[in-house]
Amino acid sequence: MVRDRYAKNAGAVFRLKYHVVGCPKYRRPVLVPPVGRRLKELVNAVVTEYGFVMHEMEVMPDRVHLFIAADPTRSVAEIVIRFLARSGPWAAKRAGCRLA
């Protein structure tokens, strides 16, 4: 049904979906299976904590693609900061890289 495609809040009807791409500094291929698996867990934790909707996620050795939906009270910059704040320190410590 058409109504199911849109979300509502107090003053708006919306359907905001974002394609966010993140990569390690210098695009080093460090997101291999054990690291990539943990990164997926961290991203899923952020999604559930902040109420985002994850439509698709793909972790490649040198980048991460996220297709998420959020409400208009959150800016794109805030969404990206939430993901980087959780995964950035962990990636720097465990994988020896910075996510950008």
C-alpha atoms as a PDB file:
ATOM      1  CA  MET A   1       0.000   0.000   0.000  1.00  0.00           C
ATOM      2  CA  VAL A   2       1.215   3.526  -0.735  1.00  0.00           C
ATOM      3  CA  ARG A   3       0.757   4.736   2.844  1.00  0.00           C
ATOM      4  CA  ASP A   4       3.248   2.161   4.131  1.00  0.00           C
ATOM      5  CA  ARG A   5       6.051   3.739   2.094  1.00  0.00           C
ATOM      6  CA  TYR A   6       5.991   6.963   4.092  1.00  0.00           C
ATOM      7  CA  ALA A   7       6.554   7.732   7.755  1.00  0.00           C
ATOM      8  CA  LYS A   8       4.935  10.484   9.794  1.00  0.00           C
ATOM      9  CA  ASN A   9       5.832  12.623  12.753  1.00  0.00           C
ATOM     10  CA  ALA A  10       4.087  15.634  14.313  1.00  0.00           C
ATOM     11  CA  GLY A  11       4.564  17.986  11.363  1.00  0.00           C
ATOM     12  CA  ALA A  12       5.678  16.018   8.332  1.00  0.00           C
ATOM     13  CA  VAL A  13       5.232  13.030   6.089  1.00  0.00           C
ATOM     14  CA  PHE A  14       8.588  11.797   4.870  1.00  0.00           C
ATOM     15  CA  ARG A  15      10.678   9.058   3.329  1.00  0.00           C
ATOM     16  CA  LEU A  16      14.358   9.836   3.810  1.00  0.00           C
ATOM     17  CA  LYS A  17      16.882   7.200   2.813  1.00  0.00           C
ATOM     18  CA  TYR A  18      20.618   7.721   2.734  1.00  0.00           C
ATOM     19  CA  HIS A  19      23.405   5.871   0.972  1.00  0.00           C
ATOM     20  CA  VAL A  20      26.470   6.325   3.156  1.00  0.00           C
ATOM     21  CA  VAL A  21      29.878   5.050   2.057  1.00  0.00           C
ATOM     22  CA  GLY A  22      32.779   4.831   4.476  1.00  0.00           C
ATOM     23  CA  CYS A  23      36.317   3.706   3.816  1.00  0.00           C
ATOM     24  CA  PRO A  24      39.536   3.238   5.785  1.00  0.00           C
ATOM     25  CA  LYS A  25      42.188   5.881   5.416  1.00  0.00           C
ATOM     26  CA  TYR A  26      44.050   5.404   2.114  1.00  0.00           C
ATOM     27  CA  ARG A  27      41.466   2.699   1.272  1.00  0.00           C
ATOM     28  CA  ARG A  28      43.595  -0.012   2.777  1.00  0.00           C
ATOM     29  CA  PRO A  29      41.896  -3.437   2.509  1.00  0.00           C
ATOM     30  CA  VAL A  30      41.563  -4.083   6.253  1.00  0.00           C
ATOM     31  CA  LEU A  31      37.853  -4.930   6.497  1.00  0.00           C
ATOM     32  CA  VAL A  32      38.415  -8.652   5.916  1.00  0.00           C
ATOM     33  CA  PRO A  33      36.050 -11.217   7.507  1.00  0.00           C
ATOM     34  CA  PRO A  34      36.864 -11.082  11.244  1.00  0.00           C
ATOM     35  CA  VAL A  35      37.109  -7.287  11.222  1.00  0.00           C
ATOM     36  CA  GLY A  36      34.165  -6.876   8.841  1.00  0.00           C
ATOM     37  CA  ARG A  37      31.977  -9.117  10.978  1.00  0.00           C
ATOM     38  CA  ARG A  38      32.659  -7.032  14.088  1.00  0.00           C
ATOM     39  CA  LEU A  39      32.053  -3.830  12.120  1.00  0.00           C
ATOM     40  CA  LYS A  40      28.619  -5.161  11.117  1.00  0.00           C
ATOM     41  CA  GLU A  41      27.832  -5.815  14.788  1.00  0.00           C
ATOM     42  CA  LEU A  42      28.839  -2.271  15.736  1.00  0.00           C
ATOM     43  CA  VAL A  43      26.770  -0.741  12.942  1.00  0.00           C
ATOM     44  CA  ASN A  44      23.732  -2.833  13.900  1.00  0.00           C
ATOM     45  CA  ALA A  45      24.102  -1.682  17.509  1.00  0.00           C
ATOM     46  CA  VAL A  46      24.037   1.970  16.389  1.00  0.00           C
ATOM     47  CA  VAL A  47      21.001   1.315  14.180  1.00  0.00           C
ATOM     48  CA  THR A  48      18.999  -0.165  17.041  1.00  0.00           C
ATOM     49  CA  GLU A  49      20.185   2.416  19.584  1.00  0.00           C
ATOM     50  CA  TYR A  50      19.171   5.461  17.522  1.00  0.00           C
ATOM     51  CA  GLY A  51      16.101   4.035  15.771  1.00  0.00           C
ATOM     52  CA  PHE A  52      17.420   4.032  12.217  1.00  0.00           C
ATOM     53  CA  VAL A  53      16.179   1.488   9.670  1.00  0.00           C
ATOM     54  CA  MET A  54      18.903  -0.476   7.900  1.00  0.00           C
ATOM     55  CA  HIS A  55      17.799  -1.455   4.404  1.00  0.00           C
ATOM     56  CA  GLU A  56      21.129  -2.781   3.174  1.00  0.00           C
ATOM     57  CA  MET A  57      24.714  -3.071   4.364  1.00  0.00           C
ATOM     58  CA  GLU A  58      27.709  -4.396   2.481  1.00  0.00           C
ATOM     59  CA  VAL A  59      31.207  -4.615   3.903  1.00  0.00           C
ATOM     60  CA  MET A  60      33.972  -4.885   1.309  1.00  0.00           C
ATOM     61  CA  PRO A  61      37.696  -5.126   2.118  1.00  0.00           C
ATOM     62  CA  ASP A  62      38.232  -1.420   1.397  1.00  0.00           C
ATOM     63  CA  ARG A  63      34.827   0.210   2.030  1.00  0.00           C
ATOM     64  CA  VAL A  64      31.414  -0.060   3.672  1.00  0.00           C
ATOM     65  CA  HIS A  65      28.098   0.757   2.006  1.00  0.00           C
ATOM     66  CA  LEU A  66      25.096   1.555   4.222  1.00  0.00           C
ATOM     67  CA  PHE A  67      21.588   2.229   2.947  1.00  0.00           C
ATOM     68  CA  ILE A  68      19.608   3.550   5.887  1.00  0.00           C
ATOM     69  CA  ALA A  69      16.412   5.440   6.620  1.00  0.00           C
ATOM     70  CA  ALA A  70      16.079   8.039   9.352  1.00  0.00           C
ATOM     71  CA  ASP A  71      13.612  10.720  10.343  1.00  0.00           C
ATOM     72  CA  PRO A  72      14.139  14.390   9.466  1.00  0.00           C
ATOM     73  CA  THR A  73      15.129  15.343  13.010  1.00  0.00           C
ATOM     74  CA  ARG A  74      18.579  13.858  12.327  1.00  0.00           C
ATOM     75  CA  SER A  75      20.941  15.412   9.820  1.00  0.00           C
ATOM     76  CA  VAL A  76      23.132  13.306   7.560  1.00  0.00           C
ATOM     77  CA  ALA A  77      26.210  14.584   9.391  1.00  0.00           C
ATOM     78  CA  GLU A  78      24.771  13.480  12.733  1.00  0.00           C
ATOM     79  CA  ILE A  79      23.996  10.020  11.368  1.00  0.00           C
ATOM     80  CA  VAL A  80      27.537   9.595  10.040  1.00  0.00           C
ATOM     81  CA  ILE A  81      29.018  10.875  13.320  1.00  0.00           C
ATOM     82  CA  ARG A  82      26.991   8.294  15.267  1.00  0.00           C
ATOM     83  CA  PHE A  83      28.440   5.476  13.152  1.00  0.00           C
ATOM     84  CA  LEU A  84      32.003   6.817  13.266  1.00  0.00           C
ATOM     85  CA  ALA A  85      31.888   7.492  17.002  1.00  0.00           C
ATOM     86  CA  ARG A  86      31.149   3.830  17.661  1.00  0.00           C
ATOM     87  CA  SER A  87      33.293   2.183  14.991  1.00  0.00           C
ATOM     88  CA  GLY A  88      36.193   4.637  14.651  1.00  0.00           C
ATOM     89  CA  PRO A  89      38.036   4.047  17.951  1.00  0.00           C
ATOM     90  CA  TRP A  90      37.553   0.293  17.632  1.00  0.00           C
ATOM     91  CA  ALA A  91      38.920   0.270  14.060  1.00  0.00           C
ATOM     92  CA  ALA A  92      41.924   2.350  15.051  1.00  0.00           C
ATOM     93  CA  LYS A  93      42.764  -0.020  17.884  1.00  0.00           C
ATOM     94  CA  ARG A  94      42.008  -3.398  16.315  1.00  0.00           C
ATOM     95  CA  ALA A  95      42.469  -2.950  12.574  1.00  0.00           C
ATOM     96  CA  GLY A  96      45.179  -0.306  12.703  1.00  0.00           C
ATOM     97  CA  CYS A  97      43.288   2.136  10.506  1.00  0.00           C
ATOM     98  CA  ARG A  98      41.061   5.188  10.690  1.00  0.00           C
ATOM     99  CA  LEU A  99      37.633   5.172   9.100  1.00  0.00           C
ATOM    100  CA  ALA A 100      36.900   8.277   7.056  1.00  0.00           C
END
